[in-house]
Amino acid sequence: MPVKIRLARHGATKRPFYRIVVAESERRRDGKFLETVGTYNPLPDPGEISLKSDRIQYWMDQGAIPTDTVKSLLKKEGFFANLT
């Protein structure tokens, strides 16, 4: 089963907070996941992003594919600039 790195929404109505999770692609958005690898809070300006870079790198080496949104967040944090 393919694995994706994607956002899982938490927080109250109109107060979003996202966890960046590794999940099987066929699971629900907020359903069961394999591991939490970061958080994203879009409310402050600019948004706050917290990442576990070593775990993200591990999962990408195992074949996990980030979604477009997560990929843009990783680029914003300079994650892909550190890859060799």
Protein backbone atom coordinates (compact mmCIF):
# COMPACT_ATOMS: atom_id res chain seq x y z
CA MET A 1 0.00 0.00 0.00
CA PRO A 2 1.48 3.42 -0.94
CA VAL A 3 2.41 5.74 1.90
CA LYS A 4 1.95 9.51 1.82
CA ILE A 5 3.13 12.40 3.97
CA ARG A 6 0.08 14.63 4.34
CA LEU A 7 -1.89 16.98 6.61
CA ALA A 8 -4.44 15.81 9.19
CA ARG A 9 -6.76 18.58 10.39
CA HIS A 10 -7.34 19.20 14.07
CA GLY A 11 -8.56 22.21 16.02
CA ALA A 12 -11.94 23.83 16.42
CA THR A 13 -14.25 25.28 13.82
CA LYS A 14 -12.55 28.19 12.02
CA ARG A 15 -9.40 27.59 14.13
CA PRO A 16 -7.47 25.02 12.06
CA PHE A 17 -4.36 23.24 13.29
CA TYR A 18 -2.70 20.54 11.24
CA ARG A 19 -0.47 17.59 12.04
CA ILE A 20 1.91 16.46 9.33
CA VAL A 21 1.50 12.69 9.34
CA VAL A 22 2.69 9.63 7.49
CA ALA A 23 -0.34 7.55 6.49
CA GLU A 24 -1.36 4.89 4.03
CA SER A 25 -2.90 6.63 1.02
CA GLU A 26 -6.26 4.88 1.34
CA ARG A 27 -6.91 6.00 4.93
CA ARG A 28 -9.23 8.89 5.78
CA ARG A 29 -7.80 12.40 6.15
CA ASP A 30 -8.08 12.40 9.94
CA GLY A 31 -8.02 8.63 10.34
CA LYS A 32 -5.38 6.17 11.43
CA PHE A 33 -1.78 7.10 10.59
CA LEU A 34 1.66 5.58 11.04
CA GLU A 35 3.56 8.50 12.61
CA THR A 36 3.35 12.23 13.30
CA VAL A 37 6.35 14.00 11.75
CA GLY A 38 5.43 17.64 12.35
CA THR A 39 2.79 20.31 12.89
CA TYR A 40 1.52 23.33 10.98
CA ASN A 41 -0.42 26.24 12.47
CA PRO A 42 -1.65 28.58 9.69
CA LEU A 43 -3.24 31.20 11.97
CA PRO A 44 -0.22 33.34 12.92
CA ASP A 45 1.34 35.43 10.18
CA PRO A 46 3.56 33.80 8.96
CA GLY A 47 2.33 30.30 9.80
CA GLU A 48 4.27 28.20 12.33
CA ILE A 49 5.82 24.98 11.03
CA SER A 50 7.51 22.37 13.19
CA LEU A 51 9.21 19.37 11.54
CA LYS A 52 11.07 16.22 12.55
CA SER A 53 13.49 16.32 9.61
CA ASP A 54 15.20 13.02 10.39
CA ARG A 55 11.88 11.13 10.42
CA ILE A 56 10.66 12.85 7.24
CA GLN A 57 13.92 11.88 5.53
CA TYR A 58 13.53 8.29 6.79
CA TRP A 59 10.00 7.97 5.40
CA MET A 60 10.95 9.54 2.07
CA ASP A 61 13.81 7.04 1.80
CA GLN A 62 11.24 4.29 2.40
CA GLY A 63 9.16 5.57 -0.55
CA ALA A 64 6.66 7.93 1.11
CA ILE A 65 5.46 10.68 -1.20
CA PRO A 66 4.56 14.14 0.19
CA THR A 67 1.36 15.75 -1.03
CA ASP A 68 1.61 19.05 -2.92
CA THR A 69 0.72 21.07 0.18
CA VAL A 70 3.24 19.29 2.38
CA LYS A 71 5.87 19.59 -0.34
CA SER A 72 5.38 23.38 -0.42
CA LEU A 73 5.67 23.53 3.39
CA LEU A 74 8.87 21.49 3.27
CA LYS A 75 10.30 23.79 0.60
CA LYS A 76 9.39 26.82 2.69
CA GLU A 77 11.38 25.33 5.59
CA GLY A 78 14.32 24.59 3.28
CA PHE A 79 14.01 20.82 3.61
CA PHE A 80 14.80 20.01 -0.02
CA ALA A 81 17.85 22.31 -0.02
CA ASN A 82 19.45 20.03 2.61
CA LEU A 83 19.08 16.84 0.55
CA THR A 84 22.23 15.44 -1.01
